[in-house]
Amino acid sequence: MTSPATYAARTAGERGTGGGANAPSPAPRKARADWRKRGEIALLAGPGILIFVTFVIFPVLMAAFYGFFRWKGFGFPEDFVGLDNYVMILQDPTFREAVMHNMFIVVASLILQGPLAILFALLMNQKMRGRGLIRVLIFVPYVISEVVVGTGWSLMLQDVGAVNSFLEKVGLGAWQQSWISEPGIAMGTLMFIISWKYIGFAVILMLAGLQSIPEELYEAAAIDGATFWQSQWHITLPLLGPTIRIWAFLSMIGSLQLFDLVNIIWGQYIAATAGTSTMATYMYQNGHLAGNYGFGNAVAVLLFLISLIIALTYQRIALRRDTAGAVTGDSGRKKS
C-alpha cells in the first residue's frame, strides 16, 4: 500500500518531469522575446536609419572624398591634391571673416530674438481682444519664402528705396543710409531682417512651452503675494528652460547654415565687401560659381565639422539635462 507521503512525492515528480515536458524552459522564452524585440526595433527604425544614411551620411562621405581632389564637377576625379584644398581654405582670410560673421549672427540672434520672443509670448498668453490676429501677424513672416523676403527687403533698402524715401518725407532725411552696401550698417540690417523673419517661430515655441505650465502654480504664487514679474522670474523662466534651450539649439544651427537671405539681398559679389558673407555663401562663390567643386566640397566638410562640434558641445552642456532618459526611460530613476 502506498503511503500518502510517497503518493505526494510521486505526483510532484510527475508534474515536474512528465506534465511539463512539452513546456519551453524560461531561457528559450527569453531568447525569443529578445529577438522579437530586436525585430520590432529594426522594423520601426530601419526605414528612418536607411533614409538618414542615404541622404545625410552618404553625401557627407562623398563630399569628404571629393574634397581631396581638384575637380571641375564632371567625370571621376583624378587630380588628387590631398589636404591642399583644406589648407587653402583655412589660410584664406575671406573664409575666416565668413566664420566670424556666422559666429556673430549666432550670438546676436540669441541675444535679440530670445528675450523678444519670451516677451511676445507672455503678452499673447494673456487673455485680450485681438490675440489671435496678433499671433498670425507675428508668425506670417516665418512662412513667407526667403526669396520673397529677400527680394522685398532688397528693394526697400536701396539708396533710393522705400525706407530712405519714407525717412525723407517725415523729415528724417539725415537718417538716410546705404543700408545694404555700407559695411558698418549692413550686418545690423541683416540682423534686423533675420529677427523680423524668424521671431515668429520662436514665439510659437515659447507659447507652447507657456501653455504647458500648470495654472495652479501662478495661483499659489498670487496667494503668497508674488507680483506678475516675480511669478515670471521664479516660475515661468525655470519651467520654460527646456523650450528655450531647444529654440536656442535650432537658432544656432540655422545661423551657421545661413545662405539664402544673404545671397538674395547682397548678391554674390557685395556680400564679402559689405561684411555679411557667411560660410555657405563662401562655399557657393568659391565652389559652384568658380567651377571648383573639389574646393567647394572641402568647404562643405569644414562647415559640417564646425556645425557638428558646436552642436555636440551644446548638447553636452545644455541639452543633456533635457534628453537624459528620453530614450532609455531612466529619467525618473534614482542613481544607485
Protein backbone atom coordinates (compact mmCIF):
# COMPACT_ATOMS: atom_id res chain seq x y z
CA MET A 1 0.00 0.00 0.00
CA THR A 2 1.29 3.42 -0.92
CA SER A 3 1.61 5.91 1.92
CA PRO A 4 0.25 9.50 1.47
CA ALA A 5 3.77 10.96 1.60
CA THR A 6 5.01 8.61 -1.11
CA TYR A 7 1.97 9.41 -3.28
CA ALA A 8 2.53 13.17 -2.92
CA ALA A 9 6.21 12.86 -3.84
CA ARG A 10 5.37 10.75 -6.89
CA THR A 11 2.71 13.23 -8.04
CA ALA A 12 5.11 16.15 -7.67
CA GLY A 13 7.72 14.27 -9.69
CA GLU A 14 5.25 13.61 -12.47
CA ARG A 15 4.30 17.29 -12.64
CA GLY A 16 7.94 18.32 -12.77
CA THR A 17 9.02 15.85 -15.44
CA GLY A 18 6.12 14.32 -17.26
CA GLY A 19 3.42 17.03 -17.14
CA GLY A 20 5.79 19.96 -18.10
CA ALA A 21 7.93 18.11 -20.62
CA ASN A 22 6.42 19.95 -23.58
CA ALA A 23 6.51 23.45 -21.97
CA PRO A 24 9.54 25.62 -23.03
CA SER A 25 12.05 26.44 -20.36
CA PRO A 26 12.44 30.14 -19.32
CA ALA A 27 15.71 30.62 -21.18
CA PRO A 28 14.38 29.89 -24.71
CA ARG A 29 11.31 32.00 -24.00
CA LYS A 30 13.50 34.96 -23.02
CA ALA A 31 15.67 34.48 -26.12
CA ARG A 32 12.61 34.52 -28.39
CA ALA A 33 11.30 37.66 -26.66
CA ASP A 34 14.66 39.37 -27.16
CA TRP A 35 14.73 38.51 -30.87
CA ARG A 36 11.13 39.68 -31.26
CA LYS A 37 12.02 42.99 -29.59
CA ARG A 38 15.06 43.41 -31.83
CA GLY A 39 12.95 42.67 -34.88
CA GLU A 40 10.39 45.30 -33.89
CA ILE A 41 13.13 47.89 -33.36
CA ALA A 42 14.69 47.06 -36.74
CA LEU A 43 11.30 47.23 -38.47
CA LEU A 44 10.35 50.58 -36.94
CA ALA A 45 13.73 52.32 -37.03
CA GLY A 46 15.14 50.72 -40.16
CA PRO A 47 13.44 52.94 -42.78
CA GLY A 48 14.41 56.12 -40.92
CA ILE A 49 18.01 54.97 -40.48
CA LEU A 50 18.19 54.00 -44.18
CA ILE A 51 16.92 57.43 -45.28
CA PHE A 52 19.30 59.20 -42.88
CA VAL A 53 22.31 57.23 -44.11
CA THR A 54 21.34 57.72 -47.77
CA PHE A 55 20.62 61.44 -47.70
CA VAL A 56 22.88 62.66 -44.86
CA ILE A 57 25.79 60.35 -44.10
CA PHE A 58 26.50 59.24 -47.66
CA PRO A 59 26.60 62.83 -49.11
CA VAL A 60 28.94 63.89 -46.31
CA LEU A 61 31.27 60.99 -47.09
CA MET A 62 31.15 61.82 -50.80
CA ALA A 63 31.90 65.49 -50.07
CA ALA A 64 34.87 64.43 -47.94
CA PHE A 65 36.08 62.24 -50.83
CA TYR A 66 35.76 64.99 -53.47
CA GLY A 67 37.44 67.47 -51.13
CA PHE A 68 40.73 65.66 -51.67
CA PHE A 69 40.69 66.36 -55.42
CA ARG A 70 40.92 69.31 -57.79
CA TRP A 71 37.64 68.57 -59.53
CA LYS A 72 35.55 70.56 -62.02
CA GLY A 73 32.30 68.74 -61.36
CA PHE A 74 32.17 66.22 -64.20
CA GLY A 75 33.76 62.81 -64.63
CA PHE A 76 35.59 60.84 -62.00
CA PRO A 77 38.05 63.00 -60.03
CA GLU A 78 41.66 62.06 -60.81
CA ASP A 79 43.73 65.06 -59.74
CA PHE A 80 44.41 64.11 -56.13
CA VAL A 81 45.65 67.07 -54.07
CA GLY A 82 45.39 65.64 -50.57
CA LEU A 83 44.77 68.32 -47.94
CA ASP A 84 45.66 71.25 -50.21
CA ASN A 85 42.04 72.39 -50.50
CA TYR A 86 41.66 72.45 -46.73
CA VAL A 87 44.95 74.30 -46.25
CA MET A 88 43.92 76.93 -48.82
CA ILE A 89 40.55 77.41 -47.12
CA LEU A 90 41.98 77.80 -43.63
CA GLN A 91 44.64 80.24 -44.88
CA ASP A 92 42.09 82.35 -46.76
CA PRO A 93 41.21 85.49 -44.72
CA THR A 94 37.88 85.71 -46.54
CA PHE A 95 36.85 82.34 -45.11
CA ARG A 96 37.95 83.35 -41.61
CA GLU A 97 35.88 86.54 -41.93
CA ALA A 98 32.90 84.45 -43.03
CA VAL A 99 33.32 82.21 -39.96
CA MET A 100 33.40 85.28 -37.69
CA HIS A 101 30.27 86.65 -39.39
CA ASN A 102 28.49 83.35 -38.72
CA MET A 103 29.54 83.40 -35.06
CA PHE A 104 28.33 86.99 -34.70
CA ILE A 105 24.99 86.05 -36.24
CA VAL A 106 24.68 83.08 -33.84
CA VAL A 107 25.27 85.24 -30.75
CA ALA A 108 23.24 88.24 -31.96
CA SER A 109 20.28 86.02 -32.88
CA LEU A 110 20.21 84.54 -29.38
CA ILE A 111 20.51 87.94 -27.70
CA LEU A 112 17.94 89.71 -29.90
CA GLN A 113 15.34 87.07 -30.60
CA GLY A 114 15.29 85.19 -27.28
CA PRO A 115 14.12 87.98 -24.92
CA LEU A 116 11.78 89.46 -27.55
CA ALA A 117 10.19 86.06 -28.19
CA ILE A 118 9.61 85.49 -24.46
CA LEU A 119 8.06 88.95 -24.04
CA PHE A 120 5.79 88.47 -27.07
CA ALA A 121 4.80 85.02 -25.83
CA LEU A 122 3.96 86.40 -22.36
CA LEU A 123 1.87 89.12 -23.99
CA MET A 124 -0.02 86.74 -26.24
CA ASN A 125 -0.56 84.25 -23.43
CA GLN A 126 -2.78 86.83 -21.72
CA LYS A 127 -6.50 86.98 -22.39
CA MET A 128 -7.08 90.05 -24.56
CA ARG A 129 -9.00 91.14 -27.62
CA GLY A 130 -7.29 90.50 -30.96
CA ARG A 131 -4.85 87.94 -29.57
CA GLY A 132 -5.38 85.57 -32.50
CA LEU A 133 -4.75 88.33 -35.04
CA ILE A 134 -1.52 89.37 -33.32
CA ARG A 135 -0.33 85.75 -33.33
CA VAL A 136 -0.99 85.47 -37.06
CA LEU A 137 0.78 88.78 -37.83
CA ILE A 138 3.87 87.74 -35.86
CA PHE A 139 4.02 84.28 -37.44
CA VAL A 140 3.34 85.35 -41.06
CA PRO A 141 6.96 86.42 -41.87
CA TYR A 142 8.18 82.94 -40.93
CA VAL A 143 6.02 81.20 -43.53
CA ILE A 144 6.94 83.62 -46.34
CA SER A 145 9.57 82.28 -48.71
CA GLU A 146 13.13 83.53 -48.22
CA VAL A 147 13.18 84.55 -51.87
CA VAL A 148 10.16 86.82 -51.42
CA VAL A 149 11.52 88.26 -48.17
CA GLY A 150 14.98 88.87 -49.61
CA THR A 151 13.67 90.45 -52.81
CA GLY A 152 11.23 92.68 -50.94
CA TRP A 153 13.74 93.96 -48.39
CA SER A 154 16.47 94.43 -51.02
CA LEU A 155 14.15 96.71 -52.99
CA MET A 156 13.00 98.68 -49.94
CA LEU A 157 16.54 99.13 -48.58
CA GLN A 158 18.12 100.50 -51.75
CA ASP A 159 19.61 104.00 -51.55
CA VAL A 160 16.55 105.27 -53.46
CA GLY A 161 14.21 102.66 -51.94
CA ALA A 162 11.08 102.96 -49.84
CA VAL A 163 12.85 103.22 -46.48
CA ASN A 164 15.02 106.21 -47.36
CA SER A 165 12.09 107.86 -49.19
CA PHE A 166 9.90 107.45 -46.09
CA LEU A 167 12.59 108.95 -43.84
CA GLU A 168 12.89 111.95 -46.15
CA LYS A 169 9.14 112.53 -46.25
CA VAL A 170 8.80 112.50 -42.44
CA GLY A 171 11.69 114.93 -42.00
CA LEU A 172 14.32 112.40 -41.00
CA GLY A 173 16.43 112.74 -44.13
CA ALA A 174 19.60 112.86 -42.02
CA TRP A 175 18.92 109.24 -41.06
CA GLN A 176 19.11 108.03 -44.64
CA GLN A 177 21.77 105.38 -45.06
CA SER A 178 23.16 102.89 -47.52
CA TRP A 179 21.51 100.11 -45.57
CA ILE A 180 22.87 97.30 -47.74
CA SER A 181 26.28 98.38 -49.00
CA GLU A 182 27.71 100.27 -46.00
CA PRO A 183 29.98 97.81 -44.10
CA GLY A 184 29.24 99.36 -40.71
CA ILE A 185 25.47 99.10 -41.20
CA ALA A 186 24.97 96.04 -43.40
CA MET A 187 25.34 93.50 -40.58
CA GLY A 188 22.80 95.39 -38.46
CA THR A 189 20.44 95.40 -41.44
CA LEU A 190 20.90 91.64 -41.81
CA MET A 191 20.18 91.03 -38.12
CA PHE A 192 17.02 93.15 -38.33
CA ILE A 193 15.74 91.13 -41.30
CA ILE A 194 16.64 87.79 -39.69
CA SER A 195 14.92 88.76 -36.43
CA TRP A 196 11.83 90.03 -38.28
CA LYS A 197 11.51 86.80 -40.24
CA TYR A 198 12.32 84.17 -37.63
CA ILE A 199 10.99 85.60 -34.37
CA GLY A 200 7.54 84.21 -35.15
CA PHE A 201 8.88 80.67 -34.93
CA ALA A 202 10.48 81.42 -31.55
CA VAL A 203 7.25 82.97 -30.25
CA ILE A 204 5.22 79.90 -31.24
CA LEU A 205 7.66 77.62 -29.41
CA MET A 206 7.60 79.82 -26.29
CA LEU A 207 3.79 79.92 -26.35
CA ALA A 208 3.66 76.13 -26.49
CA GLY A 209 6.02 75.99 -23.53
CA LEU A 210 3.97 78.54 -21.56
CA GLN A 211 0.75 76.63 -22.04
CA SER A 212 2.31 73.50 -20.55
CA ILE A 213 2.94 75.27 -17.22
CA PRO A 214 0.19 74.44 -14.67
CA GLU A 215 -2.01 77.42 -13.83
CA GLU A 216 -2.12 76.29 -10.18
CA LEU A 217 1.47 77.42 -9.71
CA TYR A 218 0.58 81.03 -10.60
CA GLU A 219 -2.49 80.90 -8.36
CA ALA A 220 -0.40 79.68 -5.44
CA ALA A 221 2.19 82.41 -6.09
CA ALA A 222 -0.57 85.06 -6.19
CA ILE A 223 -1.93 83.82 -2.89
CA ASP A 224 1.57 84.16 -1.41
CA GLY A 225 1.67 87.77 -2.63
CA ALA A 226 4.01 87.39 -5.63
CA THR A 227 3.80 90.08 -8.28
CA PHE A 228 3.41 89.34 -12.00
CA TRP A 229 7.10 89.73 -12.76
CA GLN A 230 8.13 87.73 -9.68
CA SER A 231 5.93 84.88 -10.92
CA GLN A 232 7.52 85.07 -14.36
CA TRP A 233 11.03 85.07 -12.91
CA HIS A 234 10.55 82.25 -10.39
CA ILE A 235 8.00 80.08 -12.23
CA THR A 236 7.87 80.82 -15.96
CA LEU A 237 11.55 81.08 -16.80
CA PRO A 238 12.66 77.90 -14.93
CA LEU A 239 9.83 75.81 -16.36
CA LEU A 240 10.33 77.34 -19.82
CA GLY A 241 14.00 76.35 -19.74
CA PRO A 242 13.73 73.19 -21.91
CA THR A 243 11.83 75.11 -24.60
CA ILE A 244 14.37 77.95 -24.55
CA ARG A 245 17.26 75.52 -24.87
CA ILE A 246 15.68 73.69 -27.81
CA TRP A 247 14.93 77.01 -29.58
CA ALA A 248 18.49 78.20 -28.96
CA PHE A 249 19.84 75.00 -30.50
CA LEU A 250 17.68 75.38 -33.62
CA SER A 251 18.61 79.07 -33.89
CA MET A 252 22.34 78.29 -33.69
CA ILE A 253 22.16 75.62 -36.39
CA GLY A 254 20.10 77.91 -38.64
CA SER A 255 22.54 80.79 -38.16
CA LEU A 256 25.52 78.60 -39.08
CA GLN A 257 23.78 77.50 -42.28
CA LEU A 258 22.52 80.95 -43.28
CA PHE A 259 22.73 81.39 -47.05
CA ASP A 260 19.59 82.33 -48.95
CA LEU A 261 18.77 85.73 -47.44
CA VAL A 262 22.38 86.93 -47.69
CA ASN A 263 22.76 85.72 -51.25
CA ILE A 264 19.46 87.23 -52.40
CA ILE A 265 19.83 90.62 -50.72
CA TRP A 266 23.58 91.20 -51.04
CA GLY A 267 24.35 89.11 -54.09
CA GLN A 268 27.44 87.09 -54.84
CA TYR A 269 29.87 89.98 -55.02
CA ILE A 270 28.83 92.58 -52.49
CA ALA A 271 28.30 90.20 -49.54
CA ALA A 272 32.02 89.96 -48.74
CA THR A 273 32.72 93.69 -49.15
CA ALA A 274 29.65 94.66 -47.11
CA GLY A 275 30.73 92.36 -44.26
CA THR A 276 27.78 89.97 -44.41
CA SER A 277 29.33 86.92 -46.07
CA THR A 278 28.79 83.54 -44.41
CA MET A 279 30.43 80.14 -44.72
CA ALA A 280 27.62 78.98 -47.01
CA THR A 281 27.96 81.98 -49.37
CA TYR A 282 31.75 81.47 -49.39
CA MET A 283 31.19 77.83 -50.41
CA TYR A 284 28.74 78.87 -53.14
CA GLN A 285 31.03 81.54 -54.59
CA ASN A 286 34.29 79.61 -54.49
CA GLY A 287 32.84 76.21 -55.31
CA HIS A 288 29.82 76.44 -57.56
CA LEU A 289 30.33 79.81 -59.26
CA ALA A 290 34.08 79.28 -59.68
CA GLY A 291 33.54 75.77 -61.09
CA ASN A 292 35.93 74.36 -58.47
CA TYR A 293 33.73 71.69 -56.97
CA GLY A 294 36.54 69.90 -55.15
CA PHE A 295 37.29 73.12 -53.26
CA GLY A 296 33.57 73.66 -52.62
CA ASN A 297 33.21 70.16 -51.21
CA ALA A 298 36.11 70.81 -48.85
CA VAL A 299 34.34 73.98 -47.61
CA ALA A 300 31.17 71.94 -47.10
CA VAL A 301 33.07 69.42 -44.99
CA LEU A 302 34.53 72.19 -42.82
CA LEU A 303 31.07 73.75 -42.43
CA PHE A 304 29.71 70.35 -41.40
CA LEU A 305 32.51 69.80 -38.87
CA ILE A 306 32.13 73.27 -37.33
CA SER A 307 28.36 72.80 -37.00
CA LEU A 308 28.83 69.29 -35.60
CA ILE A 309 31.33 70.42 -32.96
CA ILE A 310 29.10 73.28 -31.84
CA ALA A 311 26.01 71.05 -31.80
CA LEU A 312 27.70 68.29 -29.79
CA THR A 313 29.20 70.80 -27.35
CA TYR A 314 25.82 72.47 -26.82
CA GLN A 315 24.12 69.09 -26.46
CA ARG A 316 26.72 68.05 -23.89
CA ILE A 317 26.45 71.27 -21.88
CA ALA A 318 22.85 72.43 -22.22
CA LEU A 319 20.60 69.77 -23.74
CA ARG A 320 21.88 66.80 -21.76
CA ARG A 321 19.61 67.51 -18.81
CA ASP A 322 16.56 67.62 -21.11
CA THR A 323 17.33 64.49 -23.13
CA ALA A 324 18.64 62.29 -20.29
CA GLY A 325 16.40 59.23 -20.11
CA ALA A 326 14.31 60.29 -23.12
CA VAL A 327 15.32 57.11 -24.98
CA THR A 328 16.02 54.68 -22.18
CA GLY A 329 13.27 55.86 -19.86
CA ASP A 330 15.68 56.19 -16.94
CA SER A 331 14.94 59.85 -16.26
CA GLY A 332 12.79 59.09 -13.25
CA ARG A 333 15.07 56.50 -11.72
CA LYS A 334 17.40 57.27 -8.90
CA LYS A 335 21.03 56.58 -9.39
CA SER A 336 22.36 53.92 -7.03
